Structures are given as C-alpha cells and as structure tokens.
Protein backbone atom coordinates (compact mmCIF):
# COMPACT_ATOMS: atom_id res chain seq x y z
CA UNK A 1 69.52 88.73 137.93
CA UNK A 2 68.23 91.31 135.46
CA UNK A 3 68.57 90.65 131.76
CA UNK A 4 70.84 93.09 129.96
CA UNK A 5 69.11 95.35 127.41
CA UNK A 6 69.79 94.61 123.73
CA UNK A 7 71.81 96.92 121.51
CA UNK A 8 68.85 98.83 119.99
CA UNK A 9 67.55 99.68 123.46
CA UNK A 10 71.02 100.79 124.61
CA UNK A 11 71.35 102.99 121.52
CA UNK A 12 68.03 104.69 122.20
CA UNK A 13 68.48 104.99 125.97
CA UNK A 14 72.07 106.23 126.17
CA UNK A 15 72.77 107.84 122.80
CA UNK A 16 69.26 108.83 121.73
CA UNK A 17 69.87 107.26 118.33
CA UNK A 18 68.34 104.49 116.31
CA UNK A 19 70.68 101.51 115.79
CA UNK A 20 70.99 102.14 112.04
CA UNK A 21 72.18 105.72 112.72
CA UNK A 22 75.12 104.68 114.90
CA UNK A 23 78.68 105.43 113.84
CA UNK A 24 81.02 102.41 113.72
CA UNK A 25 82.75 103.64 116.89
CA UNK A 26 79.42 104.01 118.72
CA UNK A 27 78.31 100.54 117.60
CA UNK A 28 81.62 99.07 118.80
CA UNK A 29 81.26 100.83 122.16
CA UNK A 30 77.67 99.68 122.64
CA UNK A 31 78.54 96.09 121.72
CA UNK A 32 81.37 96.04 124.26
CA UNK A 33 79.09 97.79 126.76
CA UNK A 34 76.38 95.20 126.18
CA UNK A 35 78.84 92.31 126.52
CA UNK A 36 80.53 93.99 129.50
CA UNK A 37 83.98 93.53 128.03
CA UNK A 38 86.78 96.11 128.01
CA UNK A 39 87.23 98.36 125.01
CA UNK A 40 90.72 99.69 125.71
CA UNK A 41 93.48 98.65 123.36
CA UNK A 42 96.80 100.16 122.36
CA UNK A 43 96.43 102.33 119.24
CA UNK A 44 100.11 101.77 118.38
CA UNK A 45 99.55 98.00 118.34
CA UNK A 46 96.54 98.40 116.04
CA UNK A 47 98.49 100.60 113.64
CA UNK A 48 101.59 98.39 113.75
CA UNK A 49 99.55 95.32 112.86
CA UNK A 50 98.34 97.07 109.69
CA UNK A 51 101.78 98.43 108.67
CA UNK A 52 103.39 97.14 105.49
CA UNK A 53 107.10 96.65 104.90
CA UNK A 54 107.14 99.92 102.91
CA UNK A 55 105.49 101.75 105.81
CA UNK A 56 108.09 100.50 108.26
CA UNK A 57 110.90 101.38 105.83
CA UNK A 58 109.53 104.91 105.39
CA UNK A 59 109.46 105.32 109.18
CA UNK A 60 113.08 104.16 109.44
CA UNK A 61 114.27 106.50 106.68
CA UNK A 62 112.44 109.42 108.29
CA UNK A 63 113.86 108.55 111.71
CA UNK A 64 117.42 108.38 110.37
CA UNK A 65 117.08 111.38 108.02
CA UNK A 66 115.68 113.53 110.80
CA UNK A 67 118.33 112.75 113.39
CA UNK A 68 121.30 114.80 114.56
CA UNK A 69 123.56 111.85 113.81
CA UNK A 70 122.55 111.95 110.14
CA UNK A 71 122.95 115.73 109.93
CA UNK A 72 126.42 115.65 111.50
CA UNK A 73 127.55 112.70 109.36
CA UNK A 74 126.16 114.32 106.23
CA UNK A 75 127.94 117.60 107.02
CA UNK A 76 131.19 115.66 107.53
CA UNK A 77 130.76 113.92 104.15
CA UNK A 78 130.05 117.24 102.42
CA UNK A 79 133.04 118.91 104.07
CA UNK A 80 135.23 115.93 103.19
CA UNK A 81 134.04 116.02 99.56
CA UNK A 82 134.87 119.71 99.27
CA UNK A 83 138.20 119.31 101.05
CA UNK A 84 139.14 116.35 98.86
CA UNK A 85 138.19 118.05 95.57
CA UNK A 86 139.35 121.58 96.40
CA UNK A 87 142.46 120.86 98.38
CA UNK A 88 144.00 117.41 98.17
CA UNK A 89 143.17 116.28 94.62
CA UNK A 90 143.52 119.80 93.15
CA UNK A 91 147.08 119.87 94.50
CA UNK A 92 147.92 116.88 92.24
CA UNK A 93 145.70 118.19 89.41
CA UNK A 94 143.13 115.35 89.48
CA UNK A 95 139.93 116.52 91.18
CA UNK A 96 136.97 114.37 90.07
CA UNK A 97 134.44 117.11 90.97
CA UNK A 98 136.13 120.50 90.99
CA UNK A 99 134.46 123.67 92.25
CA UNK A 100 131.46 124.43 91.74
CA UNK A 101 130.89 120.70 92.57
CA UNK A 102 128.39 119.84 89.84
CA UNK A 103 128.46 116.11 90.60
CA UNK A 104 127.90 116.81 94.31
CA UNK A 105 124.90 119.01 93.43
CA UNK A 106 123.49 116.20 91.29
CA UNK A 107 123.88 113.70 94.14
CA UNK A 108 122.26 116.08 96.64
CA UNK A 109 119.35 116.74 94.27
CA UNK A 110 118.77 113.02 93.77
CA UNK A 111 118.93 112.40 97.51
CA UNK A 112 116.38 115.15 98.14
CA UNK A 113 114.13 113.86 95.35
CA UNK A 114 114.08 110.39 96.90
CA UNK A 115 114.11 111.31 100.58
CA UNK A 116 111.31 113.92 100.52
CA UNK A 117 108.50 111.58 99.35
CA UNK A 118 109.64 108.89 101.77
CA UNK A 119 109.50 111.35 104.66
CA UNK A 120 106.05 112.47 103.50
CA UNK A 121 104.90 108.82 103.54
CA UNK A 122 106.09 108.58 107.12
CA UNK A 123 104.28 111.80 108.02
CA UNK A 124 101.09 110.43 106.45
CA UNK A 125 101.51 107.32 108.57
CA UNK A 126 101.93 109.49 111.65
CA UNK A 127 98.69 111.31 110.86
CA UNK A 128 96.98 107.92 110.36
CA UNK A 129 98.30 106.87 113.77
CA UNK A 130 96.92 110.07 115.28
CA UNK A 131 93.56 109.46 113.63
CA UNK A 132 93.42 105.89 115.01
CA UNK A 133 94.39 107.14 118.47
CA UNK A 134 91.72 109.88 118.35
CA UNK A 135 89.07 107.37 117.30
CA UNK A 136 90.13 105.04 120.09
CA UNK A 137 90.11 107.88 122.62
CA UNK A 138 86.58 108.74 121.53
CA UNK A 139 85.49 105.12 122.03
CA UNK A 140 87.05 104.94 125.49
CA UNK A 141 85.54 108.29 126.51
CA UNK A 142 82.12 107.28 125.22
CA UNK A 143 82.35 103.98 127.07
CA UNK A 144 83.30 105.78 130.29
CA UNK A 145 80.38 108.16 129.83
CA UNK A 146 77.97 105.26 129.31
CA UNK A 147 79.28 103.47 132.39
CA UNK A 148 78.77 106.63 134.45
CA UNK A 149 75.22 106.93 133.12
CA UNK A 150 74.59 103.28 134.02
CA UNK A 151 75.92 103.88 137.53
CA UNK A 152 73.66 106.92 137.89
CA UNK A 153 70.67 104.77 136.93
CA UNK A 154 71.64 102.13 139.50
CA UNK A 155 72.14 104.71 142.23
CA UNK A 156 68.79 106.33 141.38
CA UNK A 157 67.15 102.90 141.53
CA UNK A 158 68.76 102.18 144.91
CA UNK A 159 67.72 105.57 146.27
CA UNK A 160 64.14 105.01 145.09
CA UNK A 161 64.10 101.60 146.82
CA UNK A 162 65.55 103.15 149.96
CA UNK A 163 62.86 105.87 149.91
CA UNK A 164 60.11 103.23 149.53
CA UNK A 165 61.58 101.20 152.38
CA UNK A 166 61.65 104.27 154.65
CA UNK A 167 58.04 105.14 153.76
CA UNK A 168 56.87 101.58 154.49
CA UNK A 169 58.70 101.49 157.81
C-alpha cells in the first residue's frame, strides 16, 4: 500500500501553497484529508457549544419580541391601558395615567431602550452563526474539491497503467 503524502506535500500539490501560508480552514481540511477522516459537522452545534447564558437569553428575547403573539398581546395591553385610564377609571375620577398617558410613554420608552440592544445582540449572534456556517461550507467544498482531484490522479494513473498493459500485449 502506498504511503500517504505529508501535509506540506499536500499543500503544494493541491493548493499550490507553502504550509506556512495556509489559512486555518485550509490547514484543517488538509489535516482531515491526510488522515482520511470526515470534515462535516453541524455549524449550529458548533455555535451552540460556544453560546453563553446571555447569548441564549438574547435569542429568546428576540424570538419572543419578534413574534405575532407578542405583538398581539402587547396591542391588547396598550388598548386595555387606554380603555382603563380613559374610560373606566375616568368615569369614577381616578385615572392613574390620564390622557396623554405620560406613564405609558415612559414604560414604552424603557422597554424600547432595553429590548433594542438585546435584539441587536441576537442579530450579532445570527451573523456569527452565518460566518461559522460559511467557513464550514468553505471547508467542506474545499475537501470535496481535493477528493475530486485525488480521484482524477488515481484515474489518470489507472489509465496510464492500462495504456502500458495494452502496449506490452
């Protein structure tokens, strides 16, 4: 059985690069290529393993804050607040936040001030997930390309042997 070429030879042969010039993804691909082990892994699992409690909380807040259920419930609370302060409690002369609803505006401003950065954290996490997935896709595509090149070499070698056999016969 033929000995597998070492990493520097693989880097020069397939990527036309010196080993020190390889990107981390290329080095990872060549190492898995050399060891003949799979490179595929789930990008979501990689990202989830690195997530902190704050990251998971930000994702939950963004998921809830961006849902129709939240929007409908929030509209119901706002409508109820206005109905309670403009209709029911005004009738008895005891509204706690009469029109123009200054306390309600304060609460909405505080909610927006807290919710917006949390949603932005979740969006940053989503872009990190996309970046990890893109890097992983690049590794898998590069590995597939290298395997195809290896198969081409083997087929060329077999065809050359077949040609020699036909000439000798």
